[in-house]
């Protein structure tokens, strides 16, 4: 039973990571905390859209938010989030390389 709960939580977390903008945000925050405006500038994402993406990641526990006056700052809840994304990236690169090798045989 406990495994089923973990599977659902993991699935929910993966869904929260399943958008290119969110992956980009994770990569940016892997280097340290950034303010909302800095994230908006670096990603080029409209503030209303960015706010939605950040909210999803905060709600799922992927990011932590800190407010200072009118400013909001975001950071990863754990550096392991960056590591997980990097591992997935490596798996994708390996898959692409294998596909490329297969295509060369034609």
PDB file of N, CA and C in Angstrom:
ATOM      1  N   UNK A   1       0.816  -1.205   0.000  1.00  0.00           N
ATOM      2  CA  UNK A   1       0.000   0.000   0.000  1.00  0.00           C
ATOM      3  C   UNK A   1       0.858   1.266   0.000  1.00  0.00           C
ATOM      4  N   UNK A   2       1.892   1.266   0.834  1.00  0.00           N
ATOM      5  CA  UNK A   2       2.772   2.434   0.898  1.00  0.00           C
ATOM      6  C   UNK A   2       3.450   2.680  -0.445  1.00  0.00           C
ATOM      7  N   UNK A   3       3.792   1.589  -1.154  1.00  0.00           N
ATOM      8  CA  UNK A   3       4.415   1.738  -2.476  1.00  0.00           C
ATOM      9  C   UNK A   3       3.477   2.439  -3.445  1.00  0.00           C
ATOM     10  N   UNK A   4       2.193   2.110  -3.382  1.00  0.00           N
ATOM     11  CA  UNK A   4       1.206   2.732  -4.280  1.00  0.00           C
ATOM     12  C   UNK A   4       1.143   4.239  -4.039  1.00  0.00           C
ATOM     13  N   UNK A   5       1.217   4.640  -2.793  1.00  0.00           N
ATOM     14  CA  UNK A   5       1.195   6.066  -2.457  1.00  0.00           C
ATOM     15  C   UNK A   5       2.438   6.749  -3.036  1.00  0.00           C
ATOM     16  N   UNK A   6       3.584   6.107  -2.873  1.00  0.00           N
ATOM     17  CA  UNK A   6       4.831   6.661  -3.417  1.00  0.00           C
ATOM     18  C   UNK A   6       4.746   6.764  -4.939  1.00  0.00           C
ATOM     19  N   UNK A   7       4.188   5.746  -5.602  1.00  0.00           N
ATOM     20  CA  UNK A   7       4.048   5.788  -7.057  1.00  0.00           C
ATOM     21  C   UNK A   7       3.199   6.979  -7.485  1.00  0.00           C
ATOM     22  N   UNK A   8       2.130   7.233  -6.761  1.00  0.00           N
ATOM     23  CA  UNK A   8       1.264   8.373  -7.089  1.00  0.00           C
ATOM     24  C   UNK A   8       1.978   9.699  -6.856  1.00  0.00           C
ATOM     25  N   UNK A   9       2.699   9.802  -5.764  1.00  0.00           N
ATOM     26  CA  UNK A   9       3.447  11.031  -5.479  1.00  0.00           C
ATOM     27  C   UNK A   9       4.542  11.262  -6.520  1.00  0.00           C
ATOM     28  N   UNK A  10       5.221  10.190  -6.893  1.00  0.00           N
ATOM     29  CA  UNK A  10       6.272  10.305  -7.910  1.00  0.00           C
ATOM     30  C   UNK A  10       5.676  10.720  -9.244  1.00  0.00           C
ATOM     31  N   UNK A  11       4.551  10.130  -9.601  1.00  0.00           N
ATOM     32  CA  UNK A  11       3.868  10.489 -10.840  1.00  0.00           C
ATOM     33  C   UNK A  11       3.466  11.957 -10.835  1.00  0.00           C
ATOM     34  N   UNK A  12       2.951  12.417  -9.714  1.00  0.00           N
ATOM     35  CA  UNK A  12       2.535  13.811  -9.581  1.00  0.00           C
ATOM     36  C   UNK A  12       3.733  14.751  -9.735  1.00  0.00           C
ATOM     37  N   UNK A  13       4.856  14.371  -9.152  1.00  0.00           N
ATOM     38  CA  UNK A  13       6.067  15.182  -9.273  1.00  0.00           C
ATOM     39  C   UNK A  13       6.556  15.206 -10.715  1.00  0.00           C
ATOM     40  N   UNK A  14       6.531  14.045 -11.374  1.00  0.00           N
ATOM     41  CA  UNK A  14       6.963  13.994 -12.777  1.00  0.00           C
ATOM     42  C   UNK A  14       6.065  14.848 -13.659  1.00  0.00           C
ATOM     43  N   UNK A  15       4.772  14.855 -13.380  1.00  0.00           N
ATOM     44  CA  UNK A  15       3.848  15.710 -14.142  1.00  0.00           C
ATOM     45  C   UNK A  15       4.226  17.180 -13.969  1.00  0.00           C
ATOM     46  N   UNK A  16       4.618  17.541 -12.759  1.00  0.00           N
ATOM     47  CA  UNK A  16       4.995  18.931 -12.491  1.00  0.00           C
ATOM     48  C   UNK A  16       6.275  19.312 -13.224  1.00  0.00           C
ATOM     49  N   UNK A  17       7.076  18.324 -13.583  1.00  0.00           N
ATOM     50  CA  UNK A  17       8.324  18.590 -14.303  1.00  0.00           C
ATOM     51  C   UNK A  17       8.153  18.483 -15.814  1.00  0.00           C
ATOM     52  N   UNK A  18       6.955  18.160 -16.262  1.00  0.00           N
ATOM     53  CA  UNK A  18       6.760  17.820 -17.670  1.00  0.00           C
ATOM     54  C   UNK A  18       6.466  19.009 -18.574  1.00  0.00           C
ATOM     55  N   UNK A  19       7.187  20.078 -18.375  1.00  0.00           N
ATOM     56  CA  UNK A  19       7.054  21.239 -19.252  1.00  0.00           C
ATOM     57  C   UNK A  19       8.439  21.844 -19.463  1.00  0.00           C
ATOM     58  N   UNK A  20       8.791  22.173 -20.706  1.00  0.00           N
ATOM     59  CA  UNK A  20      10.132  22.700 -20.985  1.00  0.00           C
ATOM     60  C   UNK A  20      10.496  23.946 -20.175  1.00  0.00           C
ATOM     61  N   UNK A  21       9.538  24.814 -19.938  1.00  0.00           N
ATOM     62  CA  UNK A  21       9.825  26.022 -19.153  1.00  0.00           C
ATOM     63  C   UNK A  21      10.214  25.639 -17.726  1.00  0.00           C
ATOM     64  N   UNK A  22       9.535  24.660 -17.170  1.00  0.00           N
ATOM     65  CA  UNK A  22       9.841  24.231 -15.791  1.00  0.00           C
ATOM     66  C   UNK A  22      11.218  23.598 -15.710  1.00  0.00           C
ATOM     67  N   UNK A  23      11.582  22.843 -16.729  1.00  0.00           N
ATOM     68  CA  UNK A  23      12.922  22.251 -16.764  1.00  0.00           C
ATOM     69  C   UNK A  23      13.972  23.358 -16.851  1.00  0.00           C
ATOM     70  N   UNK A  24      13.703  24.364 -17.656  1.00  0.00           N
ATOM     71  CA  UNK A  24      14.627  25.502 -17.774  1.00  0.00           C
ATOM     72  C   UNK A  24      14.761  26.222 -16.435  1.00  0.00           C
ATOM     73  N   UNK A  25      13.659  26.413 -15.737  1.00  0.00           N
ATOM     74  CA  UNK A  25      13.679  27.064 -14.429  1.00  0.00           C
ATOM     75  C   UNK A  25      14.522  26.253 -13.451  1.00  0.00           C
ATOM     76  N   UNK A  26      14.365  24.942 -13.480  1.00  0.00           N
ATOM     77  CA  UNK A  26      15.151  24.079 -12.592  1.00  0.00           C
ATOM     78  C   UNK A  26      16.636  24.224 -12.897  1.00  0.00           C
ATOM     79  N   UNK A  27      16.971  24.265 -14.171  1.00  0.00           N
ATOM     80  CA  UNK A  27      18.372  24.439 -14.548  1.00  0.00           C
ATOM     81  C   UNK A  27      18.923  25.776 -14.041  1.00  0.00           C
ATOM     82  N   UNK A  28      18.136  26.832 -14.186  1.00  0.00           N
ATOM     83  CA  UNK A  28      18.563  28.149 -13.686  1.00  0.00           C
ATOM     84  C   UNK A  28      18.744  28.138 -12.172  1.00  0.00           C
ATOM     85  N   UNK A  29      17.791  27.559 -11.468  1.00  0.00           N
ATOM     86  CA  UNK A  29      17.834  27.561 -10.007  1.00  0.00           C
ATOM     87  C   UNK A  29      18.847  26.572  -9.454  1.00  0.00           C
ATOM     88  N   UNK A  30      19.337  25.693 -10.303  1.00  0.00           N
ATOM     89  CA  UNK A  30      20.404  24.779  -9.884  1.00  0.00           C
ATOM     90  C   UNK A  30      21.678  25.531  -9.551  1.00  0.00           C
ATOM     91  N   UNK A  31      21.771  26.754 -10.045  1.00  0.00           N
ATOM     92  CA  UNK A  31      22.945  27.595  -9.796  1.00  0.00           C
ATOM     93  C   UNK A  31      22.745  28.508  -8.592  1.00  0.00           C
ATOM     94  N   UNK A  32      21.522  28.507  -8.036  1.00  0.00           N
ATOM     95  CA  UNK A  32      21.260  29.333  -6.856  1.00  0.00           C
ATOM     96  C   UNK A  32      19.917  30.039  -6.926  1.00  0.00           C
ATOM     97  N   UNK A  33      19.557  30.636  -5.829  1.00  0.00           N
ATOM     98  CA  UNK A  33      18.281  31.337  -5.693  1.00  0.00           C
ATOM     99  C   UNK A  33      18.200  32.520  -6.656  1.00  0.00           C
ATOM    100  N   UNK A  34      17.005  32.715  -7.202  1.00  0.00           N
ATOM    101  CA  UNK A  34      16.766  33.850  -8.088  1.00  0.00           C
ATOM    102  C   UNK A  34      15.424  34.487  -7.759  1.00  0.00           C
ATOM    103  N   UNK A  35      15.343  35.783  -8.011  1.00  0.00           N
ATOM    104  CA  UNK A  35      14.089  36.498  -7.859  1.00  0.00           C
ATOM    105  C   UNK A  35      13.178  36.262  -9.047  1.00  0.00           C
ATOM    106  N   UNK A  36      11.905  36.499  -8.843  1.00  0.00           N
ATOM    107  CA  UNK A  36      10.906  36.312  -9.890  1.00  0.00           C
ATOM    108  C   UNK A  36      11.292  37.069 -11.161  1.00  0.00           C
ATOM    109  N   UNK A  37      11.670  38.333 -11.024  1.00  0.00           N
ATOM    110  CA  UNK A  37      12.029  39.149 -12.197  1.00  0.00           C
ATOM    111  C   UNK A  37      13.234  38.591 -12.931  1.00  0.00           C
ATOM    112  N   UNK A  38      14.223  38.090 -12.176  1.00  0.00           N
ATOM    113  CA  UNK A  38      15.411  37.506 -12.803  1.00  0.00           C
ATOM    114  C   UNK A  38      15.041  36.257 -13.611  1.00  0.00           C
ATOM    115  N   UNK A  39      14.167  35.439 -13.051  1.00  0.00           N
ATOM    116  CA  UNK A  39      13.733  34.230 -13.759  1.00  0.00           C
ATOM    117  C   UNK A  39      12.984  34.620 -15.027  1.00  0.00           C
ATOM    118  N   UNK A  40      12.129  35.625 -14.920  1.00  0.00           N
ATOM    119  CA  UNK A  40      11.362  36.095 -16.068  1.00  0.00           C
ATOM    120  C   UNK A  40      12.292  36.604 -17.164  1.00  0.00           C
ATOM    121  N   UNK A  41      13.275  37.392 -16.788  1.00  0.00           N
ATOM    122  CA  UNK A  41      14.238  37.936 -17.754  1.00  0.00           C
ATOM    123  C   UNK A  41      15.012  36.834 -18.457  1.00  0.00           C
ATOM    124  N   UNK A  42      15.529  35.896 -17.680  1.00  0.00           N
ATOM    125  CA  UNK A  42      16.396  34.851 -18.238  1.00  0.00           C
ATOM    126  C   UNK A  42      15.647  33.845 -19.099  1.00  0.00           C
ATOM    127  N   UNK A  43      14.385  33.611 -18.778  1.00  0.00           N
ATOM    128  CA  UNK A  43      13.617  32.642 -19.561  1.00  0.00           C
ATOM    129  C   UNK A  43      12.852  33.298 -20.698  1.00  0.00           C
ATOM    130  N   UNK A  44      12.562  34.593 -20.563  1.00  0.00           N
ATOM    131  CA  UNK A  44      11.769  35.289 -21.563  1.00  0.00           C
ATOM    132  C   UNK A  44      10.289  34.937 -21.495  1.00  0.00           C
ATOM    133  N   UNK A  45       9.872  34.352 -20.380  1.00  0.00           N
ATOM    134  CA  UNK A  45       8.482  33.927 -20.200  1.00  0.00           C
ATOM    135  C   UNK A  45       7.681  35.087 -19.608  1.00  0.00           C
ATOM    136  N   UNK A  46       6.480  35.289 -20.129  1.00  0.00           N
ATOM    137  CA  UNK A  46       5.599  36.348 -19.617  1.00  0.00           C
ATOM    138  C   UNK A  46       5.335  36.109 -18.135  1.00  0.00           C
ATOM    139  N   UNK A  47       5.250  37.197 -17.394  1.00  0.00           N
ATOM    140  CA  UNK A  47       5.121  37.091 -15.936  1.00  0.00           C
ATOM    141  C   UNK A  47       3.897  36.294 -15.492  1.00  0.00           C
ATOM    142  N   UNK A  48       2.762  36.449 -16.165  1.00  0.00           N
ATOM    143  CA  UNK A  48       1.568  35.710 -15.763  1.00  0.00           C
ATOM    144  C   UNK A  48       1.763  34.207 -15.985  1.00  0.00           C
ATOM    145  N   UNK A  49       2.398  33.848 -17.088  1.00  0.00           N
ATOM    146  CA  UNK A  49       2.669  32.446 -17.391  1.00  0.00           C
ATOM    147  C   UNK A  49       3.709  31.881 -16.427  1.00  0.00           C
ATOM    148  N   UNK A  50       4.746  32.651 -16.165  1.00  0.00           N
ATOM    149  CA  UNK A  50       5.804  32.226 -15.256  1.00  0.00           C
ATOM    150  C   UNK A  50       5.244  31.985 -13.858  1.00  0.00           C
ATOM    151  N   UNK A  51       4.379  32.849 -13.418  1.00  0.00           N
ATOM    152  CA  UNK A  51       3.769  32.717 -12.102  1.00  0.00           C
ATOM    153  C   UNK A  51       3.058  31.371 -11.952  1.00  0.00           C
ATOM    154  N   UNK A  52       2.359  30.958 -12.994  1.00  0.00           N
ATOM    155  CA  UNK A  52       1.653  29.668 -12.967  1.00  0.00           C
ATOM    156  C   UNK A  52       2.635  28.508 -12.853  1.00  0.00           C
ATOM    157  N   UNK A  53       3.700  28.558 -13.626  1.00  0.00           N
ATOM    158  CA  UNK A  53       4.701  27.483 -13.591  1.00  0.00           C
ATOM    159  C   UNK A  53       5.371  27.399 -12.216  1.00  0.00           C
ATOM    160  N   UNK A  54       5.733  28.545 -11.684  1.00  0.00           N
ATOM    161  CA  UNK A  54       6.378  28.556 -10.370  1.00  0.00           C
ATOM    162  C   UNK A  54       5.424  28.042  -9.287  1.00  0.00           C
ATOM    163  N   UNK A  55       4.167  28.424  -9.375  1.00  0.00           N
ATOM    164  CA  UNK A  55       3.173  27.974  -8.393  1.00  0.00           C
ATOM    165  C   UNK A  55       3.040  26.459  -8.389  1.00  0.00           C
ATOM    166  N   UNK A  56       2.994  25.870  -9.566  1.00  0.00           N
ATOM    167  CA  UNK A  56       2.882  24.410  -9.665  1.00  0.00           C
ATOM    168  C   UNK A  56       4.080  23.751  -8.975  1.00  0.00           C
ATOM    169  N   UNK A  57       5.260  24.275  -9.231  1.00  0.00           N
ATOM    170  CA  UNK A  57       6.466  23.659  -8.664  1.00  0.00           C
ATOM    171  C   UNK A  57       6.578  23.882  -7.156  1.00  0.00           C
ATOM    172  N   UNK A  58       6.099  25.010  -6.680  1.00  0.00           N
ATOM    173  CA  UNK A  58       6.085  25.259  -5.233  1.00  0.00           C
ATOM    174  C   UNK A  58       5.083  24.327  -4.566  1.00  0.00           C
ATOM    175  N   UNK A  59       3.889  24.204  -5.151  1.00  0.00           N
ATOM    176  CA  UNK A  59       2.846  23.334  -4.596  1.00  0.00           C
ATOM    177  C   UNK A  59       3.307  21.886  -4.508  1.00  0.00           C
ATOM    178  N   UNK A  60       4.104  21.440  -5.478  1.00  0.00           N
ATOM    179  CA  UNK A  60       4.567  20.049  -5.505  1.00  0.00           C
ATOM    180  C   UNK A  60       5.833  19.844  -4.666  1.00  0.00           C
ATOM    181  N   UNK A  61       6.348  20.915  -4.085  1.00  0.00           N
ATOM    182  CA  UNK A  61       7.526  20.785  -3.240  1.00  0.00           C
ATOM    183  C   UNK A  61       8.844  20.739  -3.986  1.00  0.00           C
ATOM    184  N   UNK A  62       8.819  21.092  -5.257  1.00  0.00           N
ATOM    185  CA  UNK A  62      10.039  21.095  -6.067  1.00  0.00           C
ATOM    186  C   UNK A  62      10.849  22.359  -5.787  1.00  0.00           C
ATOM    187  N   UNK A  63      10.129  23.461  -5.585  1.00  0.00           N
ATOM    188  CA  UNK A  63      10.761  24.751  -5.279  1.00  0.00           C
ATOM    189  C   UNK A  63      10.319  25.246  -3.911  1.00  0.00           C
ATOM    190  N   UNK A  64      11.138  26.107  -3.364  1.00  0.00           N
ATOM    191  CA  UNK A  64      10.778  26.838  -2.153  1.00  0.00           C
ATOM    192  C   UNK A  64      10.723  28.314  -2.507  1.00  0.00           C
ATOM    193  N   UNK A  65       9.768  29.000  -1.910  1.00  0.00           N
ATOM    194  CA  UNK A  65       9.584  30.420  -2.190  1.00  0.00           C
ATOM    195  C   UNK A  65       9.832  31.212  -0.918  1.00  0.00           C
ATOM    196  N   UNK A  66      10.519  32.334  -1.092  1.00  0.00           N
ATOM    197  CA  UNK A  66      10.782  33.241   0.020  1.00  0.00           C
ATOM    198  C   UNK A  66      10.351  34.624  -0.425  1.00  0.00           C
ATOM    199  N   UNK A  67       9.621  35.314   0.447  1.00  0.00           N
ATOM    200  CA  UNK A  67       9.185  36.673   0.120  1.00  0.00           C
ATOM    201  C   UNK A  67       9.960  37.661   0.967  1.00  0.00           C
ATOM    202  N   UNK A  68      10.347  38.720   0.289  1.00  0.00           N
ATOM    203  CA  UNK A  68      11.061  39.808   0.954  1.00  0.00           C
ATOM    204  C   UNK A  68      10.427  41.100   0.462  1.00  0.00           C
ATOM    205  N   UNK A  69       9.567  41.676   1.279  1.00  0.00           N
ATOM    206  CA  UNK A  69       8.811  42.845   0.844  1.00  0.00           C
ATOM    207  C   UNK A  69       7.868  42.438  -0.269  1.00  0.00           C
ATOM    208  N   UNK A  70       7.955  43.116  -1.394  1.00  0.00           N
ATOM    209  CA  UNK A  70       7.116  42.799  -2.544  1.00  0.00           C
ATOM    210  C   UNK A  70       7.754  41.772  -3.471  1.00  0.00           C
ATOM    211  N   UNK A  71       8.997  41.411  -3.194  1.00  0.00           N
ATOM    212  CA  UNK A  71       9.738  40.507  -4.070  1.00  0.00           C
ATOM    213  C   UNK A  71       9.634  39.050  -3.615  1.00  0.00           C
ATOM    214  N   UNK A  72       9.556  38.156  -4.591  1.00  0.00           N
ATOM    215  CA  UNK A  72       9.555  36.717  -4.325  1.00  0.00           C
ATOM    216  C   UNK A  72      10.836  36.116  -4.878  1.00  0.00           C
ATOM    217  N   UNK A  73      11.425  35.228  -4.095  1.00  0.00           N
ATOM    218  CA  UNK A  73      12.648  34.541  -4.491  1.00  0.00           C
ATOM    219  C   UNK A  73      12.391  33.035  -4.465  1.00  0.00           C
ATOM    220  N   UNK A  74      13.021  32.330  -5.400  1.00  0.00           N
ATOM    221  CA  UNK A  74      12.799  30.904  -5.531  1.00  0.00           C
ATOM    222  C   UNK A  74      14.122  30.164  -5.517  1.00  0.00           C
ATOM    223  N   UNK A  75      14.064  28.958  -4.946  1.00  0.00           N
ATOM    224  CA  UNK A  75      15.224  28.076  -4.953  1.00  0.00           C
ATOM    225  C   UNK A  75      14.715  26.644  -4.991  1.00  0.00           C
ATOM    226  N   UNK A  76      15.577  25.740  -5.363  1.00  0.00           N
ATOM    227  CA  UNK A  76      15.209  24.332  -5.385  1.00  0.00           C
ATOM    228  C   UNK A  76      15.036  23.836  -3.951  1.00  0.00           C
ATOM    229  N   UNK A  77      14.087  22.957  -3.748  1.00  0.00           N
ATOM    230  CA  UNK A  77      13.887  22.382  -2.416  1.00  0.00           C
ATOM    231  C   UNK A  77      15.021  21.421  -2.079  1.00  0.00           C
ATOM    232  N   UNK A  78      15.637  20.852  -3.122  1.00  0.00           N
ATOM    233  CA  UNK A  78      16.765  19.940  -2.954  1.00  0.00           C
ATOM    234  C   UNK A  78      17.599  19.963  -4.223  1.00  0.00           C
ATOM    235  N   UNK A  79      18.892  19.894  -4.063  1.00  0.00           N
ATOM    236  CA  UNK A  79      19.783  19.851  -5.219  1.00  0.00           C
ATOM    237  C   UNK A  79      19.583  18.553  -6.001  1.00  0.00           C
ATOM    238  N   UNK A  80      18.962  17.571  -5.375  1.00  0.00           N
ATOM    239  CA  UNK A  80      18.698  16.295  -6.039  1.00  0.00           C
ATOM    240  C   UNK A  80      17.752  16.461  -7.223  1.00  0.00           C
ATOM    241  N   UNK A  81      16.954  17.532  -7.227  1.00  0.00           N
ATOM    242  CA  UNK A  81      16.068  17.804  -8.370  1.00  0.00           C
ATOM    243  C   UNK A  81      16.915  18.037  -9.611  1.00  0.00           C
ATOM    244  N   UNK A  82      17.962  18.809  -9.479  1.00  0.00           N
ATOM    245  CA  UNK A  82      18.877  19.064 -10.597  1.00  0.00           C
ATOM    246  C   UNK A  82      19.554  17.772 -11.027  1.00  0.00           C
ATOM    247  N   UNK A  83      19.978  16.985 -10.054  1.00  0.00           N
ATOM    248  CA  UNK A  83      20.647  15.723 -10.356  1.00  0.00           C
ATOM    249  C   UNK A  83      19.709  14.776 -11.113  1.00  0.00           C
ATOM    250  N   UNK A  84      18.449  14.721 -10.699  1.00  0.00           N
ATOM    251  CA  UNK A  84      17.468  13.859 -11.366  1.00  0.00           C
ATOM    252  C   UNK A  84      17.271  14.303 -12.809  1.00  0.00           C
ATOM    253  N   UNK A  85      17.139  15.594 -13.031  1.00  0.00           N
ATOM    254  CA  UNK A  85      16.974  16.117 -14.393  1.00  0.00           C
ATOM    255  C   UNK A  85      18.207  15.833 -15.234  1.00  0.00           C
ATOM    256  N   UNK A  86      19.386  15.935 -14.633  1.00  0.00           N
ATOM    257  CA  UNK A  86      20.628  15.655 -15.356  1.00  0.00           C
ATOM    258  C   UNK A  86      20.700  14.181 -15.754  1.00  0.00           C
ATOM    259  N   UNK A  87      20.279  13.290 -14.872  1.00  0.00           N
ATOM    260  CA  UNK A  87      20.266  11.861 -15.199  1.00  0.00           C
ATOM    261  C   UNK A  87      19.323  11.566 -16.352  1.00  0.00           C
ATOM    262  N   UNK A  88      18.155  12.168 -16.314  1.00  0.00           N
ATOM    263  CA  UNK A  88      17.196  11.973 -17.404  1.00  0.00           C
ATOM    264  C   UNK A  88      17.769  12.509 -18.709  1.00  0.00           C
ATOM    265  N   UNK A  89      18.444  13.642 -18.649  1.00  0.00           N
ATOM    266  CA  UNK A  89      19.083  14.221 -19.842  1.00  0.00           C
ATOM    267  C   UNK A  89      20.120  13.255 -20.409  1.00  0.00           C
ATOM    268  N   UNK A  90      20.912  12.639 -19.533  1.00  0.00           N
ATOM    269  CA  UNK A  90      21.928  11.689 -19.978  1.00  0.00           C
ATOM    270  C   UNK A  90      21.289  10.476 -20.645  1.00  0.00           C
ATOM    271  N   UNK A  91      20.182   9.995 -20.096  1.00  0.00           N
ATOM    272  CA  UNK A  91      19.469   8.864 -20.704  1.00  0.00           C
ATOM    273  C   UNK A  91      18.982   9.252 -22.104  1.00  0.00           C
ATOM    274  N   UNK A  92      18.442  10.455 -22.241  1.00  0.00           N
ATOM    275  CA  UNK A  92      17.962  10.924 -23.550  1.00  0.00           C
ATOM    276  C   UNK A  92      19.099  11.037 -24.553  1.00  0.00           C
ATOM    277  N   UNK A  93      20.226  11.553 -24.120  1.00  0.00           N
ATOM    278  CA  UNK A  93      21.382  11.691 -25.011  1.00  0.00           C
ATOM    279  C   UNK A  93      21.848  10.316 -25.473  1.00  0.00           C
ATOM    280  N   UNK A  94      21.905   9.356 -24.541  1.00  0.00           N
ATOM    281  CA  UNK A  94      22.292   7.988 -24.914  1.00  0.00           C
ATOM    282  C   UNK A  94      21.327   7.424 -25.951  1.00  0.00           C
ATOM    283  N   UNK A  95      20.038   7.637 -25.735  1.00  0.00           N
ATOM    284  CA  UNK A  95      19.032   7.139 -26.674  1.00  0.00           C
ATOM    285  C   UNK A  95      19.202   7.776 -28.054  1.00  0.00           C
ATOM    286  N   UNK A  96      19.446   9.095 -28.076  1.00  0.00           N
ATOM    287  CA  UNK A  96      19.650   9.783 -29.348  1.00  0.00           C
ATOM    288  C   UNK A  96      20.897   9.281 -30.065  1.00  0.00           C
ATOM    289  N   UNK A  97      21.955   9.027 -29.307  1.00  0.00           N
ATOM    290  CA  UNK A  97      23.186   8.518 -29.910  1.00  0.00           C
ATOM    291  C   UNK A  97      22.960   7.135 -30.514  1.00  0.00           C
ATOM    292  N   UNK A  98      22.219   6.272 -29.823  1.00  0.00           N
ATOM    293  CA  UNK A  98      21.925   4.935 -30.347  1.00  0.00           C
ATOM    294  C   UNK A  98      21.068   5.028 -31.604  1.00  0.00           C
ATOM    295  N   UNK A  99      20.103   5.936 -31.587  1.00  0.00           N
ATOM    296  CA  UNK A  99      19.254   6.131 -32.761  1.00  0.00           C
ATOM    297  C   UNK A  99      20.089   6.614 -33.937  1.00  0.00           C
ATOM    298  N   UNK A 100      21.008   7.517 -33.656  1.00  0.00           N
ATOM    299  CA  UNK A 100      21.885   8.045 -34.706  1.00  0.00           C
ATOM    300  C   UNK A 100      22.748   6.926 -35.299  1.00  0.00           C
ATOM    301  N   UNK A 101      23.256   6.035 -34.454  1.00  0.00           N
ATOM    302  CA  UNK A 101      24.057   4.904 -34.920  1.00  0.00           C
ATOM    303  C   UNK A 101      23.234   3.996 -35.823  1.00  0.00           C
ATOM    304  N   UNK A 102      22.001   3.739 -35.433  1.00  0.00           N
ATOM    305  CA  UNK A 102      21.122   2.893 -36.237  1.00  0.00           C
ATOM    306  C   UNK A 102      20.858   3.543 -37.587  1.00  0.00           C
ATOM    307  N   UNK A 103      20.606   4.853 -37.591  1.00  0.00           N
ATOM    308  CA  UNK A 103      20.316   5.552 -38.853  1.00  0.00           C
ATOM    309  C   UNK A 103      21.510   5.556 -39.791  1.00  0.00           C
ATOM    310  N   UNK A 104      22.727   5.524 -39.246  1.00  0.00           N
ATOM    311  CA  UNK A 104      23.922   5.512 -40.085  1.00  0.00           C
ATOM    312  C   UNK A 104      24.049   4.214 -40.873  1.00  0.00           C
ATOM    313  N   UNK A 105      23.394   3.156 -40.405  1.00  0.00           N
ATOM    314  CA  UNK A 105      23.480   1.866 -41.095  1.00  0.00           C
ATOM    315  C   UNK A 105      22.634   1.821 -42.350  1.00  0.00           C
ATOM    316  N   UNK A 106      21.755   2.795 -42.535  1.00  0.00           N
ATOM    317  CA  UNK A 106      20.884   2.813 -43.724  1.00  0.00           C
ATOM    318  C   UNK A 106      21.519   3.544 -44.866  1.00  0.00           C
TER     319      UNK A 106
END
